[in-house]
Amino acid sequence: MVNSAITLLNNISARKKLEEDLSQAQNDLLSRQVEEMLKESEERYRRITDNMSDFVSEIDPRGRN
């Protein structure tokens, strides 16, 4: 009976470790995806502004920069 309990604990510990590893891998993947999306967005807006021939200024509702 003691061997069964030890085996069960080992299986649970191994499963918890695998679940933690999977969760970390998912978080890493999400972070890389978000980073790539941000990079693409920055490149897109950089291309737009680099190719603008007109002057652009940002002002608040009171007319200040």
N, C-alpha and C. Protein backbone atom coordinates (compact mmCIF):
# COMPACT_ATOMS: atom_id res chain seq x y z
N MET A 1 0.82 -1.19 0.00
CA MET A 1 0.00 0.00 0.00
C MET A 1 0.86 1.26 0.00
N VAL A 2 1.97 1.23 0.71
CA VAL A 2 2.84 2.39 0.76
C VAL A 2 3.41 2.71 -0.61
N ASN A 3 3.76 1.71 -1.38
CA ASN A 3 4.28 1.92 -2.73
C ASN A 3 3.25 2.60 -3.62
N SER A 4 2.00 2.26 -3.45
CA SER A 4 0.93 2.87 -4.26
C SER A 4 0.80 4.36 -3.96
N ALA A 5 0.89 4.72 -2.70
CA ALA A 5 0.77 6.13 -2.32
C ALA A 5 1.94 6.94 -2.86
N ILE A 6 3.13 6.39 -2.81
CA ILE A 6 4.32 7.08 -3.31
C ILE A 6 4.22 7.26 -4.82
N THR A 7 3.78 6.22 -5.51
CA THR A 7 3.62 6.31 -6.96
C THR A 7 2.59 7.36 -7.33
N LEU A 8 1.48 7.40 -6.61
CA LEU A 8 0.44 8.38 -6.85
C LEU A 8 0.96 9.80 -6.63
N LEU A 9 1.70 10.02 -5.56
CA LEU A 9 2.27 11.33 -5.29
C LEU A 9 3.26 11.74 -6.38
N ASN A 10 4.06 10.79 -6.83
CA ASN A 10 5.01 11.08 -7.91
C ASN A 10 4.27 11.46 -9.19
N ASN A 11 3.19 10.75 -9.50
CA ASN A 11 2.41 11.05 -10.70
C ASN A 11 1.77 12.43 -10.61
N ILE A 12 1.23 12.76 -9.45
CA ILE A 12 0.62 14.08 -9.25
C ILE A 12 1.67 15.17 -9.37
N SER A 13 2.83 14.97 -8.76
CA SER A 13 3.90 15.96 -8.83
C SER A 13 4.37 16.15 -10.26
N ALA A 14 4.51 15.06 -10.99
CA ALA A 14 4.95 15.15 -12.39
C ALA A 14 3.90 15.88 -13.21
N ARG A 15 2.63 15.59 -12.97
CA ARG A 15 1.56 16.26 -13.72
C ARG A 15 1.54 17.75 -13.40
N LYS A 16 1.67 18.11 -12.12
CA LYS A 16 1.69 19.53 -11.75
C LYS A 16 2.86 20.25 -12.42
N LYS A 17 4.01 19.61 -12.47
CA LYS A 17 5.18 20.20 -13.11
C LYS A 17 4.91 20.41 -14.60
N LEU A 18 4.32 19.41 -15.26
CA LEU A 18 3.99 19.53 -16.68
C LEU A 18 2.97 20.65 -16.91
N GLU A 19 1.98 20.76 -16.03
CA GLU A 19 0.99 21.83 -16.15
C GLU A 19 1.64 23.20 -15.99
N GLU A 20 2.55 23.33 -15.04
CA GLU A 20 3.27 24.59 -14.84
C GLU A 20 4.12 24.92 -16.05
N ASP A 21 4.81 23.92 -16.59
CA ASP A 21 5.63 24.13 -17.78
C ASP A 21 4.77 24.56 -18.97
N LEU A 22 3.62 23.91 -19.14
CA LEU A 22 2.71 24.26 -20.23
C LEU A 22 2.19 25.68 -20.07
N SER A 23 1.82 26.04 -18.86
CA SER A 23 1.34 27.40 -18.60
C SER A 23 2.41 28.43 -18.91
N GLN A 24 3.64 28.16 -18.51
CA GLN A 24 4.75 29.07 -18.79
C GLN A 24 5.00 29.18 -20.29
N ALA A 25 4.93 28.06 -20.99
CA ALA A 25 5.12 28.07 -22.44
C ALA A 25 4.02 28.88 -23.12
N GLN A 26 2.79 28.74 -22.65
CA GLN A 26 1.68 29.51 -23.21
C GLN A 26 1.89 31.01 -22.96
N ASN A 27 2.32 31.36 -21.77
CA ASN A 27 2.59 32.77 -21.46
C ASN A 27 3.71 33.33 -22.33
N ASP A 28 4.76 32.53 -22.52
CA ASP A 28 5.87 32.96 -23.37
C ASP A 28 5.41 33.17 -24.81
N LEU A 29 4.59 32.25 -25.30
CA LEU A 29 4.07 32.36 -26.67
C LEU A 29 3.21 33.60 -26.82
N LEU A 30 2.34 33.85 -25.86
CA LEU A 30 1.48 35.03 -25.90
C LEU A 30 2.32 36.30 -25.88
N SER A 31 3.34 36.34 -25.04
CA SER A 31 4.22 37.51 -24.98
C SER A 31 4.91 37.75 -26.31
N ARG A 32 5.38 36.68 -26.95
CA ARG A 32 6.04 36.83 -28.26
C ARG A 32 5.05 37.30 -29.31
N GLN A 33 3.82 36.79 -29.26
CA GLN A 33 2.80 37.21 -30.23
C GLN A 33 2.45 38.68 -30.05
N VAL A 34 2.29 39.12 -28.82
CA VAL A 34 1.97 40.52 -28.55
C VAL A 34 3.12 41.41 -28.98
N GLU A 35 4.33 40.99 -28.69
CA GLU A 35 5.52 41.75 -29.09
C GLU A 35 5.59 41.88 -30.61
N GLU A 36 5.31 40.81 -31.32
CA GLU A 36 5.34 40.83 -32.79
C GLU A 36 4.24 41.74 -33.33
N MET A 37 3.06 41.69 -32.73
CA MET A 37 1.97 42.57 -33.17
C MET A 37 2.34 44.04 -32.95
N LEU A 38 2.95 44.34 -31.82
CA LEU A 38 3.38 45.71 -31.54
C LEU A 38 4.43 46.15 -32.55
N LYS A 39 5.38 45.29 -32.83
CA LYS A 39 6.43 45.60 -33.80
C LYS A 39 5.82 45.90 -35.18
N GLU A 40 4.88 45.06 -35.61
CA GLU A 40 4.23 45.27 -36.91
C GLU A 40 3.46 46.59 -36.93
N SER A 41 2.78 46.90 -35.83
CA SER A 41 2.03 48.15 -35.75
C SER A 41 2.96 49.35 -35.81
N GLU A 42 4.06 49.29 -35.07
CA GLU A 42 5.04 50.39 -35.10
C GLU A 42 5.60 50.57 -36.50
N GLU A 43 5.92 49.47 -37.17
CA GLU A 43 6.46 49.56 -38.53
C GLU A 43 5.44 50.17 -39.48
N ARG A 44 4.18 49.77 -39.35
CA ARG A 44 3.12 50.28 -40.21
C ARG A 44 2.98 51.80 -40.04
N TYR A 45 2.91 52.26 -38.81
CA TYR A 45 2.76 53.70 -38.57
C TYR A 45 4.02 54.48 -38.92
N ARG A 46 5.17 53.86 -38.75
CA ARG A 46 6.42 54.50 -39.16
C ARG A 46 6.44 54.70 -40.67
N ARG A 47 6.01 53.68 -41.42
CA ARG A 47 5.95 53.81 -42.88
C ARG A 47 4.97 54.91 -43.29
N ILE A 48 3.83 54.97 -42.63
CA ILE A 48 2.84 56.00 -42.94
C ILE A 48 3.42 57.38 -42.71
N THR A 49 4.01 57.59 -41.54
CA THR A 49 4.53 58.93 -41.23
C THR A 49 5.77 59.26 -42.05
N ASP A 50 6.60 58.28 -42.35
CA ASP A 50 7.79 58.55 -43.16
C ASP A 50 7.43 58.96 -44.58
N ASN A 51 6.28 58.51 -45.07
CA ASN A 51 5.88 58.80 -46.44
C ASN A 51 4.89 59.96 -46.55
N MET A 52 4.65 60.64 -45.46
CA MET A 52 3.73 61.78 -45.50
C MET A 52 4.47 63.00 -46.03
N SER A 53 3.81 63.72 -46.90
CA SER A 53 4.43 64.94 -47.43
C SER A 53 3.91 66.18 -46.71
N ASP A 54 2.84 66.05 -45.97
CA ASP A 54 2.28 67.19 -45.25
C ASP A 54 2.79 67.23 -43.82
N PHE A 55 2.71 68.41 -43.24
CA PHE A 55 3.10 68.60 -41.85
C PHE A 55 1.96 68.11 -40.96
N VAL A 56 2.28 67.37 -39.93
CA VAL A 56 1.28 66.87 -38.99
C VAL A 56 1.67 67.32 -37.60
N SER A 57 0.69 67.83 -36.87
CA SER A 57 0.93 68.27 -35.50
C SER A 57 -0.20 67.75 -34.63
N GLU A 58 0.14 67.35 -33.44
CA GLU A 58 -0.86 66.85 -32.50
C GLU A 58 -1.14 67.95 -31.49
N ILE A 59 -2.42 68.26 -31.31
CA ILE A 59 -2.79 69.29 -30.33
C ILE A 59 -3.93 68.77 -29.46
N ASP A 60 -4.04 69.35 -28.28
CA ASP A 60 -5.14 68.96 -27.39
C ASP A 60 -6.37 69.80 -27.72
N PRO A 61 -7.51 69.54 -27.06
CA PRO A 61 -8.73 70.30 -27.36
C PRO A 61 -8.61 71.81 -27.15
N ARG A 62 -7.64 72.24 -26.36
CA ARG A 62 -7.43 73.68 -26.14
C ARG A 62 -6.48 74.29 -27.16
N GLY A 63 -6.03 73.49 -28.09
CA GLY A 63 -5.16 74.01 -29.14
C GLY A 63 -3.69 74.05 -28.78
N ARG A 64 -3.31 73.34 -27.73
CA ARG A 64 -1.90 73.32 -27.31
C ARG A 64 -1.23 72.03 -27.75
N ASN A 65 0.09 72.10 -27.95
CA ASN A 65 0.86 70.91 -28.32
C ASN A 65 1.11 70.05 -27.13
